[in-house]
Amino acid sequence: MESNGTASLHLAVNDKIFRQFSDAIAAVAVCTMLPILSTIAVALRILAQKGLKKVPLGADDYFIIAGLIFASANCGQAIWGAVRGGLGWPVEYLIIYGRITIYSKVIYAGQIIWVVSITLVRIGLLLFYRKIFVNASFRIANLILILVSICWFIAVLLVTIFSFSYDRTAQTSINYPQFLIASAVLNMLLDLAVLTLPLSVIKGLHMSRRDKIIVSGIFGLGLFCVVASTMRVVYFVRLPKISQVDRQFSRTTFYCSLWSVIEPNTSIIAACLPTMAPLVRNRTRILNRTRIKYFISEALSSLTKG
């Protein structure tokens, strides 16, 4: 059994190792920055709701907050994975330092946390849509998307949890790499459906073209979430084509994990942006008051000088 001193030395060596690899450093940087930005977005959302509009938080807000917790947890385990678990390390270093098992656990845990976080955020956004759009056909389409998202979540979560069989005598299994591709493609399509769902309603609203473009642009900022989910598909498609566990394999699994961290956090930010209108209006009023006071003081100053 390792002594405490040997174990501490081993961990210190690991801490020095990860600094050699740009992928591991990038993972730490990205996974540190994203939860901060997501937390700021959620805090501004709550401030706009409770502080300015004086309305209690709704189900959509609580889903987003829960999504933030899981998305931040995924970032935390990815940072730990990059520093200690071999995430972003070349495969030969995983073997040399005995990180294969820990690395596999990081990938496994990350996939489970990802599916929970992205589903919570997606349902939170769809519930927000239901608060602001009352069109009957829209609400039916919205409900269908919520139900499909829940079904997708249950299927992906259960298959992921039991992707490593506890009964080694069983001789049946699914094609897990193909399942990952299928679930990633469906996730991308769900992101695209959620993104485009309100656009037809916005088009029919009685407002100026400029306002329609602005509102559509705010909702359209979620396009980066679709980009993130598309990148997950790209890297999951590459996995089955890699014939051996080499540097290409470890790098591809790294990018699968990294985009799985990016997607929920950018989705949280995009989901919070439409709720921040009261903050913008309040800031505009403050600026207008400041300008008025400035002009009044200038006018009074001119009169005094005259």
Protein backbone atom coordinates (compact mmCIF):
# COMPACT_ATOMS: atom_id res chain seq x y z
CA MET A 1 0.00 0.00 0.00
CA GLU A 2 1.27 3.52 -0.85
CA SER A 3 2.36 5.67 2.06
CA ASN A 4 0.83 9.12 2.44
CA GLY A 5 4.13 10.70 1.39
CA THR A 6 4.33 8.58 -1.77
CA ALA A 7 0.70 9.34 -2.65
CA SER A 8 1.27 13.08 -2.18
CA LEU A 9 4.37 12.95 -4.35
CA HIS A 10 2.44 11.02 -7.01
CA LEU A 11 -0.32 13.68 -7.06
CA ALA A 12 2.26 16.47 -7.21
CA VAL A 13 3.89 14.78 -10.20
CA ASN A 14 0.48 14.57 -11.89
CA ASP A 15 -0.06 18.29 -11.25
CA LYS A 16 3.18 19.05 -13.07
CA ILE A 17 2.42 16.66 -15.92
CA PHE A 18 -0.85 18.25 -17.04
CA ARG A 19 0.89 21.60 -17.56
CA GLN A 20 2.83 20.08 -20.47
CA PHE A 21 -0.32 19.52 -22.54
CA SER A 22 -2.14 22.38 -24.24
CA ASP A 23 -5.43 20.42 -24.33
CA ALA A 24 -5.42 19.90 -20.56
CA ILE A 25 -4.58 23.57 -19.94
CA ALA A 26 -7.35 24.63 -22.35
CA ALA A 27 -9.82 22.39 -20.48
CA VAL A 28 -8.93 24.00 -17.15
CA ALA A 29 -9.23 27.52 -18.61
CA VAL A 30 -12.54 26.89 -20.38
CA CYS A 31 -14.07 25.00 -17.46
CA THR A 32 -13.07 27.78 -15.06
CA MET A 33 -14.45 30.61 -17.20
CA LEU A 34 -17.77 29.07 -18.30
CA PRO A 35 -19.35 28.53 -14.84
CA ILE A 36 -18.49 32.14 -13.94
CA LEU A 37 -20.23 33.49 -17.06
CA SER A 38 -23.21 31.16 -16.58
CA THR A 39 -23.57 32.15 -12.92
CA ILE A 40 -23.49 35.85 -13.84
CA ALA A 41 -26.19 35.25 -16.48
CA VAL A 42 -28.43 33.42 -13.98
CA ALA A 43 -27.83 36.09 -11.32
CA LEU A 44 -28.88 38.82 -13.78
CA ARG A 45 -31.93 36.74 -14.70
CA ILE A 46 -32.97 36.54 -11.04
CA LEU A 47 -32.26 40.25 -10.53
CA ALA A 48 -34.46 41.13 -13.51
CA GLN A 49 -37.28 38.91 -12.25
CA LYS A 50 -37.30 39.54 -8.51
CA GLY A 51 -35.43 42.83 -8.24
CA LEU A 52 -37.01 44.85 -11.05
CA LYS A 53 -40.19 43.10 -12.18
CA LYS A 54 -41.03 42.09 -8.59
CA VAL A 55 -42.36 38.69 -9.67
CA PRO A 56 -41.56 35.37 -7.99
CA LEU A 57 -39.31 32.88 -9.71
CA GLY A 58 -41.17 30.42 -11.93
CA ALA A 59 -40.62 26.79 -12.87
CA ASP A 60 -38.49 27.88 -15.83
CA ASP A 61 -36.13 29.78 -13.50
CA TYR A 62 -35.73 26.81 -11.18
CA PHE A 63 -34.97 24.48 -14.10
CA ILE A 64 -32.27 26.90 -15.29
CA ILE A 65 -30.80 27.15 -11.78
CA ALA A 66 -30.74 23.34 -11.51
CA GLY A 67 -29.13 23.18 -14.95
CA LEU A 68 -26.47 25.63 -13.76
CA ILE A 69 -25.67 23.41 -10.77
CA PHE A 70 -25.15 20.34 -12.95
CA ALA A 71 -23.28 22.28 -15.66
CA SER A 72 -20.93 23.69 -13.01
CA ALA A 73 -20.46 20.20 -11.56
CA ASN A 74 -19.50 18.95 -15.01
CA CYS A 75 -16.95 21.75 -15.31
CA GLY A 76 -15.57 20.84 -11.89
CA GLN A 77 -15.12 17.18 -12.73
CA ALA A 78 -13.56 18.13 -16.09
CA ILE A 79 -11.00 20.34 -14.33
CA TRP A 80 -10.21 17.51 -11.93
CA GLY A 81 -10.01 15.16 -14.91
CA ALA A 82 -7.56 17.43 -16.74
CA VAL A 83 -5.30 17.85 -13.69
CA ARG A 84 -5.46 14.36 -12.17
CA GLY A 85 -7.46 12.09 -14.47
CA GLY A 86 -5.65 12.40 -17.78
CA LEU A 87 -8.24 14.43 -19.70
CA GLY A 88 -6.33 16.12 -22.53
CA TRP A 89 -3.22 13.98 -21.96
CA PRO A 90 -1.66 11.88 -24.75
CA VAL A 91 -2.62 8.24 -24.33
CA GLU A 92 0.91 7.01 -23.55
CA TYR A 93 0.97 9.19 -20.42
CA LEU A 94 -2.32 7.66 -19.30
CA ILE A 95 -0.66 4.25 -19.46
CA ILE A 96 2.65 5.30 -17.88
CA TYR A 97 1.00 6.97 -14.89
CA GLY A 98 -1.85 4.48 -14.53
CA ARG A 99 -4.59 6.97 -15.36
CA ILE A 100 -6.66 4.76 -17.69
CA THR A 101 -9.26 3.80 -15.06
CA ILE A 102 -9.64 7.33 -13.70
CA TYR A 103 -9.80 8.72 -17.24
CA SER A 104 -12.61 6.29 -18.11
CA LYS A 105 -14.51 7.34 -14.98
CA VAL A 106 -14.17 11.02 -15.93
CA ILE A 107 -15.60 10.35 -19.40
CA TYR A 108 -18.38 8.19 -17.94
CA ALA A 109 -19.38 10.73 -15.24
CA GLY A 110 -19.18 13.61 -17.70
CA GLN A 111 -21.65 12.00 -20.08
CA ILE A 112 -24.18 11.40 -17.28
CA ILE A 113 -23.89 14.93 -15.87
CA TRP A 114 -24.09 16.40 -19.37
CA VAL A 115 -27.39 14.73 -20.25
CA VAL A 116 -28.94 15.93 -16.97
CA SER A 117 -27.71 19.52 -17.33
CA ILE A 118 -28.65 19.99 -21.00
CA THR A 119 -32.14 18.56 -20.42
CA LEU A 120 -32.80 20.83 -17.43
CA VAL A 121 -31.73 23.90 -19.41
CA ARG A 122 -33.73 22.89 -22.49
CA ILE A 123 -36.93 22.32 -20.52
CA GLY A 124 -36.34 25.56 -18.62
CA LEU A 125 -36.15 27.48 -21.90
CA LEU A 126 -39.27 25.76 -23.26
CA LEU A 127 -41.17 26.62 -20.06
CA PHE A 128 -40.06 30.24 -20.46
CA TYR A 129 -41.47 30.20 -24.00
CA ARG A 130 -44.82 29.05 -22.56
CA LYS A 131 -44.92 32.11 -20.30
CA ILE A 132 -44.51 34.67 -23.07
CA PHE A 133 -46.15 33.03 -26.11
CA VAL A 134 -49.86 32.16 -25.80
CA ASN A 135 -50.53 31.05 -29.39
CA ALA A 136 -52.40 27.71 -29.22
CA SER A 137 -50.49 25.95 -32.01
CA PHE A 138 -47.20 27.21 -30.57
CA ARG A 139 -48.05 25.82 -27.13
CA ILE A 140 -48.88 22.42 -28.63
CA ALA A 141 -45.55 22.34 -30.49
CA ASN A 142 -43.84 23.50 -27.30
CA LEU A 143 -45.44 20.70 -25.25
CA ILE A 144 -44.42 18.12 -27.86
CA LEU A 145 -40.81 19.30 -27.64
CA ILE A 146 -40.90 19.06 -23.84
CA LEU A 147 -42.21 15.47 -24.01
CA VAL A 148 -39.67 14.48 -26.68
CA SER A 149 -36.89 16.03 -24.57
CA ILE A 150 -37.99 14.02 -21.52
CA CYS A 151 -38.14 10.77 -23.53
CA TRP A 152 -34.70 11.47 -25.02
CA PHE A 153 -33.34 12.20 -21.53
CA ILE A 154 -34.66 8.96 -20.03
CA ALA A 155 -33.33 6.85 -22.91
CA VAL A 156 -29.87 8.43 -22.98
CA LEU A 157 -29.48 8.48 -19.20
CA LEU A 158 -30.43 4.82 -18.70
CA VAL A 159 -28.31 3.54 -21.57
CA THR A 160 -25.33 5.62 -20.39
CA ILE A 161 -25.63 4.45 -16.78
CA PHE A 162 -25.79 0.79 -17.79
CA SER A 163 -23.32 1.05 -20.67
CA PHE A 164 -20.84 -0.83 -18.48
CA SER A 165 -22.49 -4.11 -17.55
CA TYR A 166 -22.28 -5.31 -13.96
CA ASP A 167 -22.96 -8.86 -15.12
CA ARG A 168 -19.89 -9.91 -17.08
CA THR A 169 -21.49 -13.23 -18.07
CA ALA A 170 -24.06 -11.47 -20.26
CA GLN A 171 -23.28 -11.89 -23.96
CA THR A 172 -25.55 -9.18 -25.35
CA SER A 173 -24.91 -5.47 -25.67
CA ILE A 174 -25.73 -2.46 -27.80
CA ASN A 175 -23.37 -0.78 -30.22
CA TYR A 176 -22.44 1.99 -27.81
CA PRO A 177 -20.40 4.17 -30.22
CA GLN A 178 -23.34 4.20 -32.65
CA PHE A 179 -25.68 4.98 -29.76
CA LEU A 180 -23.52 7.98 -28.84
CA ILE A 181 -23.74 9.25 -32.41
CA ALA A 182 -27.52 8.76 -32.54
CA SER A 183 -28.08 10.51 -29.19
CA ALA A 184 -25.78 13.38 -30.20
CA VAL A 185 -27.62 13.85 -33.52
CA LEU A 186 -31.01 13.85 -31.77
CA ASN A 187 -29.67 16.33 -29.22
CA MET A 188 -28.51 18.62 -32.04
CA LEU A 189 -31.93 18.40 -33.73
CA LEU A 190 -33.66 19.22 -30.43
CA ASP A 191 -31.40 22.26 -29.99
CA LEU A 192 -32.25 23.39 -33.51
CA ALA A 193 -36.00 22.87 -32.93
CA VAL A 194 -35.93 24.84 -29.66
CA LEU A 195 -33.95 27.64 -31.33
CA THR A 196 -36.33 28.04 -34.29
CA LEU A 197 -39.60 27.43 -32.41
CA PRO A 198 -40.34 31.07 -31.46
CA LEU A 199 -39.25 32.60 -34.78
CA SER A 200 -42.56 31.97 -36.57
CA VAL A 201 -44.49 33.57 -33.69
CA ILE A 202 -42.16 36.58 -33.60
CA LYS A 203 -42.68 37.03 -37.34
CA GLY A 204 -46.45 37.42 -36.78
CA LEU A 205 -46.17 39.94 -33.93
CA HIS A 206 -47.38 43.50 -34.48
CA MET A 207 -44.10 45.36 -34.16
CA SER A 208 -41.69 47.19 -36.42
CA ARG A 209 -39.27 45.24 -38.57
CA ARG A 210 -36.40 46.64 -36.52
CA ASP A 211 -37.92 45.33 -33.28
CA LYS A 212 -38.59 41.94 -34.86
CA ILE A 213 -34.96 41.70 -35.96
CA ILE A 214 -33.75 42.65 -32.47
CA VAL A 215 -36.04 40.12 -30.73
CA SER A 216 -35.16 37.39 -33.24
CA GLY A 217 -31.49 38.21 -32.75
CA ILE A 218 -31.78 37.79 -28.98
CA PHE A 219 -33.37 34.36 -29.38
CA GLY A 220 -31.00 33.60 -32.25
CA LEU A 221 -27.97 33.96 -29.97
CA GLY A 222 -28.75 30.38 -29.02
CA LEU A 223 -27.26 29.45 -32.40
CA PHE A 224 -23.92 28.85 -30.69
CA CYS A 225 -25.60 26.09 -28.66
CA VAL A 226 -26.46 24.39 -31.96
CA VAL A 227 -22.84 24.86 -33.07
CA ALA A 228 -21.65 23.23 -29.83
CA SER A 229 -24.01 20.26 -30.21
CA THR A 230 -22.94 19.93 -33.87
CA MET A 231 -19.28 19.77 -32.82
CA ARG A 232 -20.18 16.96 -30.40
CA VAL A 233 -21.69 15.06 -33.33
CA VAL A 234 -18.56 15.63 -35.43
CA TYR A 235 -16.25 14.16 -32.79
CA PHE A 236 -18.56 11.28 -31.85
CA VAL A 237 -18.73 10.32 -35.54
CA ARG A 238 -14.92 10.20 -35.63
CA LEU A 239 -14.62 7.83 -32.65
CA PRO A 240 -15.69 4.53 -34.33
CA LYS A 241 -13.34 5.26 -37.24
CA ILE A 242 -10.29 5.17 -34.97
CA SER A 243 -8.97 1.60 -35.08
CA GLN A 244 -6.64 1.73 -32.08
CA VAL A 245 -6.25 3.54 -28.78
CA ASP A 246 -3.65 6.14 -29.70
CA ARG A 247 -3.14 9.90 -29.47
CA GLN A 248 -5.89 10.49 -32.01
CA PHE A 249 -8.33 8.51 -29.85
CA SER A 250 -7.47 10.37 -26.62
CA ARG A 251 -7.65 13.73 -28.42
CA THR A 252 -11.04 12.91 -29.96
CA THR A 253 -12.54 11.79 -26.64
CA PHE A 254 -11.12 14.97 -25.10
CA TYR A 255 -12.99 17.16 -27.59
CA CYS A 256 -16.18 15.14 -27.06
CA SER A 257 -15.88 15.97 -23.36
CA LEU A 258 -14.94 19.61 -23.90
CA TRP A 259 -17.91 20.34 -26.18
CA SER A 260 -20.15 18.49 -23.71
CA VAL A 261 -19.06 21.07 -21.12
CA ILE A 262 -19.41 24.05 -23.45
CA GLU A 263 -22.93 23.25 -24.71
CA PRO A 264 -24.91 23.39 -21.41
CA ASN A 265 -23.15 26.55 -20.24
CA THR A 266 -23.69 28.45 -23.48
CA SER A 267 -27.30 27.22 -23.43
CA ILE A 268 -27.75 28.71 -19.95
CA ILE A 269 -26.40 32.08 -21.10
CA ALA A 270 -28.61 32.04 -24.22
CA ALA A 271 -31.66 31.05 -22.14
CA CYS A 272 -31.09 33.94 -19.72
CA LEU A 273 -30.59 36.69 -22.32
CA PRO A 274 -34.30 37.14 -23.25
CA THR A 275 -35.16 37.62 -19.56
CA MET A 276 -32.77 40.56 -19.13
CA ALA A 277 -34.92 43.16 -20.94
CA PRO A 278 -35.93 44.89 -17.65
CA LEU A 279 -32.24 45.43 -16.86
CA VAL A 280 -31.66 47.06 -20.24
CA ARG A 281 -34.74 49.28 -19.88
CA ASN A 282 -33.73 50.27 -16.35
CA ARG A 283 -30.21 51.15 -17.48
CA THR A 284 -31.64 53.22 -20.35
CA ARG A 285 -33.86 55.17 -17.93
CA ILE A 286 -30.89 55.83 -15.65
CA LEU A 287 -28.80 57.05 -18.58
CA ASN A 288 -31.64 59.26 -19.78
CA ARG A 289 -32.05 60.77 -16.31
CA THR A 290 -28.30 61.38 -16.16
CA ARG A 291 -28.36 63.13 -19.53
CA ILE A 292 -31.35 65.28 -18.46
CA LYS A 293 -29.59 66.29 -15.24
CA TYR A 294 -26.46 67.11 -17.22
CA PHE A 295 -28.36 69.34 -19.67
CA ILE A 296 -30.24 71.07 -16.83
CA SER A 297 -27.01 71.76 -14.95
CA GLU A 298 -25.40 73.07 -18.14
CA ALA A 299 -28.38 75.33 -18.79
CA LEU A 300 -28.35 76.65 -15.22
CA SER A 301 -24.62 77.20 -15.44
CA SER A 302 -25.05 79.21 -18.66
CA LEU A 303 -27.78 81.33 -17.08
CA THR A 304 -25.59 82.03 -14.06
CA LYS A 305 -22.70 83.08 -16.25
CA GLY A 306 -25.02 85.25 -18.33
